[in-house]
Amino acid sequence: MPLTHTLGSVTITALLDGTGPFFQPRAEAFPDAVEAQWREADRRDPEAVGPDGGWLLPFRAFALRTGDGPVTLVDAGIGGADALAASWAPVPGRLPDELAAAGIDRADVRTVVLTHLHTDHVGWAGALFPNADHLIQRAELAALELFHPELPARLLGPLRAAGRLRVVDGDTDLTPGVRVLSTPGHTPGHQSVLVEQGDDRLLVTGDLLVHAIQLVDPSLTYAHEENPSEARRTREHVLSTLSPLLLATPHLSHPFTPHPTPPRS
């Protein structure tokens, strides 16, 4: 069964679409990290270290549901065998089976929030969720030249034609206690989803951070950030102003990670 976490009346379900090795050595992905930081990151997330010492990462989406109401899906995984991510990600993914195992009918998904348009986050978007609006930041659509060249024809055009592409500008309320936050830097229109219930907070991060080493030191640059300085400022701002909170992360081994990290006993 997929892992879940409940905040107030909102249930957050982590849906694992696949797991596989990253396509380059992790030292190239985080070129400024030093050995002591790697040791601490590996202590925090030992399952991220593959058998060859490389970076082994999961690919997740998250389903948010208040009571038995409609479902908001954050990101759409790597997709099927012919997905845009097929050249580097471990396709085919298993998101449809994960949804079924969680007791979620695809027809009940009414909103798909795409944190950004990289191929490992949009794989099942579109036809798999026929009743869902797909929510994207306007700044992300304005930067299509940065993304897979087939993205407009295979996803965005059909969504627009069906009236299921919802374009937003900045922070946006979704449902009571759930809102989109603009978190640019990884891509120009990157967004995350914040759940607030009473004094408790959970942030579905997208690629605001992608590895435990960015929890060890949030200033560390990831090689695949479009604007590294902006990504760093955004990450540091979010982690400093919203903590304590729980991070729901696509690529850490454990989908629900507290920040700050509790002290060792």
Protein backbone atom coordinates (compact mmCIF):
# COMPACT_ATOMS: atom_id res chain seq x y z
CA MET A 1 0.00 0.00 0.00
CA PRO A 2 1.26 3.52 -0.73
CA LEU A 3 2.39 5.52 2.29
CA THR A 4 0.09 8.23 3.61
CA HIS A 5 0.24 11.13 6.02
CA THR A 6 -2.75 12.98 7.46
CA LEU A 7 -2.90 16.65 8.40
CA GLY A 8 -6.26 17.57 9.88
CA SER A 9 -8.86 16.55 7.30
CA VAL A 10 -6.34 16.24 4.43
CA THR A 11 -4.78 12.90 3.54
CA ILE A 12 -1.57 13.04 1.51
CA THR A 13 -0.67 9.83 -0.32
CA ALA A 14 2.81 9.21 -1.76
CA LEU A 15 2.54 7.39 -5.10
CA LEU A 16 5.73 5.74 -6.30
CA ASP A 17 5.91 5.66 -10.10
CA GLY A 18 9.38 4.11 -10.32
CA THR A 19 12.92 3.96 -8.94
CA GLY A 20 16.16 4.09 -10.88
CA PRO A 21 19.71 5.46 -11.09
CA PHE A 22 20.42 9.04 -12.04
CA PHE A 23 22.05 9.51 -15.42
CA GLN A 24 25.26 11.16 -14.19
CA PRO A 25 27.58 10.84 -11.17
CA ARG A 26 26.16 12.60 -8.16
CA ALA A 27 29.34 14.64 -7.73
CA GLU A 28 28.58 16.21 -11.12
CA ALA A 29 24.98 16.86 -10.13
CA PHE A 30 26.14 18.73 -6.98
CA PRO A 31 29.60 20.00 -7.96
CA ASP A 32 30.12 22.22 -4.90
CA ALA A 33 29.40 19.57 -2.27
CA VAL A 34 32.30 18.44 -0.09
CA GLU A 35 33.00 15.05 1.43
CA ALA A 36 31.67 15.92 4.90
CA GLN A 37 28.37 17.01 3.37
CA TRP A 38 28.11 13.78 1.39
CA ARG A 39 28.70 11.77 4.57
CA GLU A 40 25.91 13.58 6.36
CA ALA A 41 23.56 13.30 3.37
CA ASP A 42 24.25 9.56 3.18
CA ARG A 43 23.56 9.23 6.91
CA ARG A 44 20.21 10.94 6.44
CA ASP A 45 19.25 9.06 3.29
CA PRO A 46 21.35 5.89 2.95
CA GLU A 47 18.91 4.32 0.48
CA ALA A 48 19.79 7.01 -2.07
CA VAL A 49 23.24 5.45 -2.52
CA GLY A 50 23.14 2.86 -5.29
CA PRO A 51 25.28 -0.29 -5.37
CA ASP A 52 27.90 1.49 -7.50
CA GLY A 53 27.95 4.54 -5.23
CA GLY A 54 25.77 6.52 -7.63
CA TRP A 55 22.50 8.31 -6.94
CA LEU A 56 19.46 6.03 -6.77
CA LEU A 57 16.24 8.00 -6.74
CA PRO A 58 12.51 7.40 -6.66
CA PHE A 59 10.01 9.23 -8.86
CA ARG A 60 6.79 10.14 -7.07
CA ALA A 61 3.51 11.95 -7.35
CA PHE A 62 1.36 12.93 -4.37
CA ALA A 63 -2.41 12.76 -4.03
CA LEU A 64 -4.18 15.19 -1.69
CA ARG A 65 -7.74 14.49 -0.55
CA THR A 66 -9.95 16.21 2.00
CA GLY A 67 -12.28 13.61 3.47
CA ASP A 68 -13.87 11.69 0.61
CA GLY A 69 -13.85 14.70 -1.70
CA PRO A 70 -12.14 15.20 -5.05
CA VAL A 71 -8.43 14.50 -5.41
CA THR A 72 -5.65 16.95 -6.20
CA LEU A 73 -2.62 15.23 -7.74
CA VAL A 74 0.75 16.96 -7.47
CA ASP A 75 2.91 15.93 -10.42
CA ALA A 76 2.32 13.04 -12.79
CA GLY A 77 5.46 10.90 -12.68
CA ILE A 78 7.59 9.41 -15.43
CA GLY A 79 4.79 7.87 -17.50
CA GLY A 80 4.43 4.82 -19.71
CA ALA A 81 6.90 3.09 -21.99
CA ASP A 82 6.60 5.79 -24.66
CA ALA A 83 6.78 8.73 -22.24
CA LEU A 84 8.93 11.78 -22.90
CA ALA A 85 11.25 10.68 -20.06
CA ALA A 86 11.91 7.29 -21.66
CA SER A 87 15.46 8.20 -22.74
CA TRP A 88 16.67 8.39 -19.14
CA ALA A 89 14.01 7.43 -16.59
CA PRO A 90 12.95 3.88 -15.54
CA VAL A 91 9.78 3.65 -17.63
CA PRO A 92 7.19 2.27 -17.71
CA GLY A 93 6.02 3.74 -14.45
CA ARG A 94 3.34 2.23 -12.25
CA LEU A 95 1.29 5.27 -11.21
CA PRO A 96 -2.04 3.79 -12.41
CA ASP A 97 -1.48 0.74 -10.20
CA GLU A 98 -0.41 2.92 -7.28
CA LEU A 99 -3.61 4.95 -7.57
CA ALA A 100 -5.67 1.76 -7.56
CA ALA A 101 -3.77 0.41 -4.55
CA ALA A 102 -4.53 3.65 -2.71
CA GLY A 103 -8.23 3.36 -3.53
CA ILE A 104 -8.16 6.44 -5.76
CA ASP A 105 -10.32 6.41 -8.89
CA ARG A 106 -8.66 8.37 -11.71
CA ALA A 107 -12.04 9.98 -12.40
CA ASP A 108 -11.93 11.56 -8.92
CA VAL A 109 -8.75 13.50 -9.74
CA ARG A 110 -10.07 17.00 -10.48
CA THR A 111 -6.80 18.97 -10.37
CA VAL A 112 -3.30 18.01 -11.47
CA VAL A 113 -0.71 20.51 -10.25
CA LEU A 114 2.42 20.20 -12.38
CA THR A 115 5.23 21.59 -10.27
CA HIS A 116 7.20 22.12 -13.48
CA LEU A 117 7.49 20.75 -17.00
CA HIS A 118 10.52 18.45 -16.78
CA THR A 119 9.70 15.08 -18.31
CA ASP A 120 9.81 13.06 -15.08
CA HIS A 121 6.99 15.16 -13.62
CA VAL A 122 4.48 15.17 -16.50
CA GLY A 123 4.56 11.56 -17.72
CA TRP A 124 0.97 10.51 -16.94
CA ALA A 125 -0.59 13.97 -17.30
CA GLY A 126 -3.44 14.49 -19.73
CA ALA A 127 -5.53 11.54 -20.90
CA LEU A 128 -5.10 9.47 -17.72
CA PHE A 129 -7.08 12.10 -15.81
CA PRO A 130 -10.01 13.08 -18.05
CA ASN A 131 -11.84 15.11 -15.38
CA ALA A 132 -8.85 17.12 -14.20
CA ASP A 133 -7.73 20.64 -14.87
CA HIS A 134 -3.94 20.79 -15.16
CA LEU A 135 -2.47 23.75 -13.31
CA ILE A 136 0.75 25.38 -14.54
CA GLN A 137 2.41 28.73 -13.81
CA ARG A 138 2.32 31.27 -16.63
CA ALA A 139 6.09 31.76 -16.26
CA GLU A 140 6.59 28.06 -16.99
CA LEU A 141 4.59 28.21 -20.22
CA ALA A 142 6.57 31.29 -21.26
CA ALA A 143 9.78 29.24 -21.12
CA LEU A 144 8.82 26.26 -23.31
CA GLU A 145 12.13 26.41 -25.17
CA LEU A 146 13.76 24.96 -22.05
CA PHE A 147 11.72 21.76 -22.12
CA HIS A 148 11.23 18.70 -24.30
CA PRO A 149 10.37 19.81 -27.85
CA GLU A 150 7.45 17.37 -28.08
CA LEU A 151 5.78 18.74 -24.95
CA PRO A 152 3.45 21.24 -26.70
CA ALA A 153 2.11 18.72 -29.21
CA ARG A 154 1.84 15.75 -26.85
CA LEU A 155 0.51 17.43 -23.71
CA LEU A 156 -0.09 21.15 -23.66
CA GLY A 157 -1.94 21.47 -26.97
CA PRO A 158 -4.44 18.69 -26.20
CA LEU A 159 -5.03 20.07 -22.70
CA ARG A 160 -5.65 23.54 -24.06
CA ALA A 161 -7.99 22.23 -26.74
CA ALA A 162 -9.99 20.31 -24.14
CA GLY A 163 -10.24 23.35 -21.85
CA ARG A 164 -8.27 21.56 -19.14
CA LEU A 165 -5.18 23.77 -18.98
CA ARG A 166 -5.38 26.19 -16.05
CA VAL A 167 -2.72 28.90 -16.07
CA VAL A 168 -1.98 30.76 -12.83
CA ASP A 169 0.30 33.60 -11.76
CA GLY A 170 2.06 33.13 -8.44
CA ASP A 171 0.57 31.86 -5.18
CA THR A 172 -2.91 30.43 -5.65
CA ASP A 173 -5.46 28.95 -3.25
CA LEU A 174 -6.71 25.51 -4.27
CA THR A 175 -8.95 24.27 -1.45
CA PRO A 176 -9.28 25.28 2.22
CA GLY A 177 -5.84 24.84 3.75
CA VAL A 178 -4.17 23.93 0.44
CA ARG A 179 -2.44 26.41 -1.83
CA VAL A 180 0.13 26.63 -4.57
CA LEU A 181 3.32 28.53 -3.81
CA SER A 182 5.49 30.04 -6.51
CA THR A 183 8.98 28.56 -5.95
CA PRO A 184 11.02 29.55 -9.03
CA GLY A 185 14.64 28.75 -9.82
CA HIS A 186 14.74 25.08 -10.71
CA THR A 187 12.62 26.24 -13.63
CA PRO A 188 11.18 29.72 -14.24
CA GLY A 189 7.67 28.75 -13.18
CA HIS A 190 8.36 26.04 -10.64
CA GLN A 191 5.64 25.74 -8.00
CA SER A 192 5.12 23.75 -4.80
CA VAL A 193 1.97 22.91 -2.83
CA LEU A 194 1.54 23.85 0.84
CA VAL A 195 -0.93 22.11 3.14
CA GLU A 196 -1.69 23.95 6.38
CA GLN A 197 -3.98 22.48 9.03
CA GLY A 198 -3.89 24.29 12.35
CA ASP A 199 -0.26 24.55 13.42
CA ASP A 200 0.89 21.77 11.10
CA ARG A 201 2.41 22.29 7.65
CA LEU A 202 3.38 19.97 4.83
CA LEU A 203 5.06 21.11 1.63
CA VAL A 204 4.95 19.04 -1.54
CA THR A 205 8.25 20.31 -2.85
CA GLY A 206 8.54 19.24 -6.47
CA ASP A 207 12.21 19.84 -7.33
CA LEU A 208 12.66 22.74 -4.93
CA LEU A 209 15.09 20.22 -3.45
CA VAL A 210 16.04 16.89 -4.96
CA HIS A 211 18.57 15.24 -2.65
CA ALA A 212 19.24 15.09 1.09
CA ILE A 213 22.45 17.05 0.52
CA GLN A 214 20.29 20.14 -0.06
CA LEU A 215 18.88 19.64 3.43
CA VAL A 216 22.40 19.40 4.80
CA ASP A 217 23.17 22.69 3.02
CA PRO A 218 20.29 24.39 1.16
CA SER A 219 22.74 26.70 -0.61
CA LEU A 220 24.20 23.84 -2.66
CA THR A 221 23.56 24.18 -6.38
CA TYR A 222 22.03 21.35 -8.37
CA ALA A 223 23.48 21.20 -11.87
CA HIS A 224 20.06 21.03 -13.53
CA GLU A 225 18.60 24.20 -12.03
CA GLU A 226 17.83 26.76 -14.73
CA ASN A 227 18.63 29.67 -12.42
CA PRO A 228 20.88 28.38 -9.61
CA SER A 229 21.03 31.62 -7.62
CA GLU A 230 17.25 32.02 -7.71
CA ALA A 231 16.76 28.36 -6.80
CA ARG A 232 19.08 28.77 -3.83
CA ARG A 233 17.28 31.91 -2.62
CA THR A 234 13.89 30.24 -2.98
CA ARG A 235 14.98 27.06 -1.19
CA GLU A 236 16.60 28.95 1.68
CA HIS A 237 13.60 31.27 2.02
CA VAL A 238 11.04 28.46 2.06
CA LEU A 239 12.97 26.30 4.51
CA SER A 240 13.68 29.19 6.86
CA THR A 241 10.22 30.77 6.87
CA LEU A 242 7.96 27.70 6.84
CA SER A 243 9.86 25.34 9.15
CA PRO A 244 9.06 23.35 11.16
CA LEU A 245 7.22 21.42 8.48
CA LEU A 246 7.05 18.06 6.78
CA LEU A 247 8.50 17.82 3.29
CA ALA A 248 6.74 15.57 0.77
CA THR A 249 9.46 14.97 -1.78
CA PRO A 250 9.46 13.20 -5.15
CA HIS A 251 13.10 12.10 -5.05
CA LEU A 252 14.15 11.43 -1.44
CA SER A 253 14.01 7.79 -0.36
CA HIS A 254 11.47 8.56 2.36
CA PRO A 255 8.53 10.52 0.94
CA PHE A 256 7.75 12.37 4.18
CA THR A 257 10.79 14.04 5.73
CA PRO A 258 10.65 16.45 8.69
CA HIS A 259 12.51 19.75 8.53
CA PRO A 260 14.47 20.57 10.52
CA THR A 261 15.82 17.06 11.04
CA PRO A 262 15.16 15.86 14.60
CA PRO A 263 18.32 15.55 16.72
CA ARG A 264 19.92 12.15 17.00
CA SER A 265 19.09 10.28 20.19
